[in-house]
C-alpha atoms as a PDB file:
ATOM      1  CA  MET A   1      20.312  18.317 -58.977  1.00  0.00           C
ATOM      2  CA  ARG A   2      23.147  21.064 -59.279  1.00  0.00           C
ATOM      3  CA  ALA A   3      22.036  22.522 -56.015  1.00  0.00           C
ATOM      4  CA  ALA A   4      22.135  18.947 -54.253  1.00  0.00           C
ATOM      5  CA  ARG A   5      25.366  18.117 -55.638  1.00  0.00           C
ATOM      6  CA  LEU A   6      26.849  21.257 -53.895  1.00  0.00           C
ATOM      7  CA  CYS A   7      25.448  20.301 -50.264  1.00  0.00           C
ATOM      8  CA  PRO A   8      28.105  19.269 -47.862  1.00  0.00           C
ATOM      9  CA  GLY A   9      27.794  15.438 -47.162  1.00  0.00           C
ATOM     10  CA  VAL A  10      26.341  14.272 -50.605  1.00  0.00           C
ATOM     11  CA  ARG A  11      28.301  11.629 -51.708  1.00  0.00           C
ATOM     12  CA  ARG A  12      26.349  10.212 -55.209  1.00  0.00           C
ATOM     13  CA  ILE A  13      23.242  11.313 -56.923  1.00  0.00           C
ATOM     14  CA  ALA A  14      21.540   8.871 -59.243  1.00  0.00           C
ATOM     15  CA  LEU A  15      19.012  10.062 -61.894  1.00  0.00           C
ATOM     16  CA  LEU A  16      16.437   7.325 -62.446  1.00  0.00           C
ATOM     17  CA  GLY A  17      12.850   6.965 -63.905  1.00  0.00           C
ATOM     18  CA  SER A  18      11.357   8.060 -67.173  1.00  0.00           C
ATOM     19  CA  LEU A  19      13.477  11.195 -67.491  1.00  0.00           C
ATOM     20  CA  THR A  20      16.384   9.155 -68.489  1.00  0.00           C
ATOM     21  CA  THR A  21      14.331   7.228 -71.362  1.00  0.00           C
ATOM     22  CA  ALA A  22      13.785   8.380 -75.007  1.00  0.00           C
ATOM     23  CA  LYS A  23      10.134   9.140 -73.990  1.00  0.00           C
ATOM     24  CA  VAL A  24       8.999  12.446 -75.409  1.00  0.00           C
ATOM     25  CA  ILE A  25       7.042  13.473 -72.395  1.00  0.00           C
ATOM     26  CA  PRO A  26       8.620  11.765 -69.107  1.00  0.00           C
ATOM     27  CA  LYS A  27       6.367  11.248 -66.264  1.00  0.00           C
ATOM     28  CA  ALA A  28       8.767  11.392 -63.552  1.00  0.00           C
ATOM     29  CA  VAL A  29      11.989  12.740 -62.207  1.00  0.00           C
ATOM     30  CA  ASP A  30      13.491  10.314 -59.504  1.00  0.00           C
ATOM     31  CA  LEU A  31      16.714  11.008 -57.883  1.00  0.00           C
ATOM     32  CA  LEU A  32      18.687   8.869 -55.264  1.00  0.00           C
ATOM     33  CA  VAL A  33      20.798  10.779 -53.106  1.00  0.00           C
ATOM     34  CA  THR A  34      23.481   8.962 -51.244  1.00  0.00           C
ATOM     35  CA  THR A  35      24.746  11.043 -48.188  1.00  0.00           C
ATOM     36  CA  GLU A  36      27.236  10.760 -45.066  1.00  0.00           C
ATOM     37  CA  ARG A  37      25.447   9.425 -42.195  1.00  0.00           C
ATOM     38  CA  THR A  38      25.799  12.591 -39.924  1.00  0.00           C
ATOM     39  CA  MET A  39      24.821  15.189 -42.793  1.00  0.00           C
ATOM     40  CA  ASP A  40      22.325  17.831 -41.900  1.00  0.00           C
ATOM     41  CA  LEU A  41      19.643  17.223 -44.417  1.00  0.00           C
ATOM     42  CA  THR A  42      18.373  21.066 -44.185  1.00  0.00           C
ATOM     43  CA  GLN A  43      19.897  22.137 -47.541  1.00  0.00           C
ATOM     44  CA  LEU A  44      19.255  18.879 -49.386  1.00  0.00           C
ATOM     45  CA  ALA A  45      15.595  19.127 -48.132  1.00  0.00           C
ATOM     46  CA  ARG A  46      15.571  22.876 -49.499  1.00  0.00           C
ATOM     47  CA  ALA A  47      17.215  21.764 -52.966  1.00  0.00           C
ATOM     48  CA  GLY A  48      14.229  19.116 -53.197  1.00  0.00           C
ATOM     49  CA  ARG A  49      11.491  21.676 -52.479  1.00  0.00           C
ATOM     50  CA  ARG A  50      13.017  23.524 -55.228  1.00  0.00           C
ATOM     51  CA  LEU A  51      12.943  20.737 -57.679  1.00  0.00           C
ATOM     52  CA  LYS A  52       9.493  19.811 -56.938  1.00  0.00           C
ATOM     53  CA  GLY A  53       8.341  23.385 -57.367  1.00  0.00           C
ATOM     54  CA  LEU A  54      10.054  23.168 -60.916  1.00  0.00           C
ATOM     55  CA  ALA A  55       8.054  19.943 -61.527  1.00  0.00           C
ATOM     56  CA  GLN A  56       4.837  21.796 -60.654  1.00  0.00           C
ATOM     57  CA  THR A  57       5.714  24.875 -63.171  1.00  0.00           C
ATOM     58  CA  ILE A  58       6.492  22.375 -66.022  1.00  0.00           C
ATOM     59  CA  ASN A  59       3.070  20.791 -65.282  1.00  0.00           C
ATOM     60  CA  LEU A  60       1.340  24.193 -65.770  1.00  0.00           C
ATOM     61  CA  LYS A  61       2.895  24.560 -69.391  1.00  0.00           C
ATOM     62  CA  ARG A  62       2.315  20.709 -70.592  1.00  0.00           C
ATOM     63  CA  SER A  63       0.174  20.009 -73.134  1.00  0.00           C
ATOM     64  CA  SER A  64      -0.151  16.133 -71.713  1.00  0.00           C
ATOM     65  CA  PRO A  65      -2.715  15.567 -69.041  1.00  0.00           C
ATOM     66  CA  ASP A  66       0.043  13.446 -67.309  1.00  0.00           C
ATOM     67  CA  LEU A  67       1.614  15.232 -64.478  1.00  0.00           C
ATOM     68  CA  LEU A  68       5.087  15.239 -64.193  1.00  0.00           C
ATOM     69  CA  SER A  69       6.104  13.659 -60.743  1.00  0.00           C
ATOM     70  CA  CYS A  70       9.363  14.467 -58.723  1.00  0.00           C
ATOM     71  CA  LYS A  71      10.420  11.927 -56.076  1.00  0.00           C
ATOM     72  CA  ILE A  72      13.676  11.973 -54.014  1.00  0.00           C
ATOM     73  CA  TRP A  73      15.010   8.903 -52.031  1.00  0.00           C
ATOM     74  CA  ILE A  74      17.814   9.910 -49.522  1.00  0.00           C
ATOM     75  CA  ALA A  75      20.054   6.767 -48.668  1.00  0.00           C
ATOM     76  CA  SER A  76      22.784   7.203 -45.836  1.00  0.00           C
ATOM     77  CA  SER A  77      26.143   5.821 -46.703  1.00  0.00           C
ATOM     78  CA  LEU A  78      27.352   2.835 -44.538  1.00  0.00           C
ATOM     79  CA  ARG A  79      30.790   3.439 -44.988  1.00  0.00           C
ATOM     80  CA  SER A  80      32.952   5.846 -42.912  1.00  0.00           C
ATOM     81  CA  SER A  81      34.492   8.781 -44.786  1.00  0.00           C
ATOM     82  CA  GLN A  82      38.422   8.615 -44.518  1.00  0.00           C
END
């Protein structure tokens, strides 16, 4: 999330899913990233791939049979920046 926050054009990041609950072993990291309509998504895509790689690393260390999934949704802002 920190890397996504630093990307130029990112307006808002919302953390959703079981990671935000009191579950002992969450099953998902869900992020909704709102961006400027004209944003180049290259840097954000790289940050997303790193987060998914981190989730796989965590899966290797988990004693739970459930895998931690990582989903990232990108929504373009309809408002123009002023």
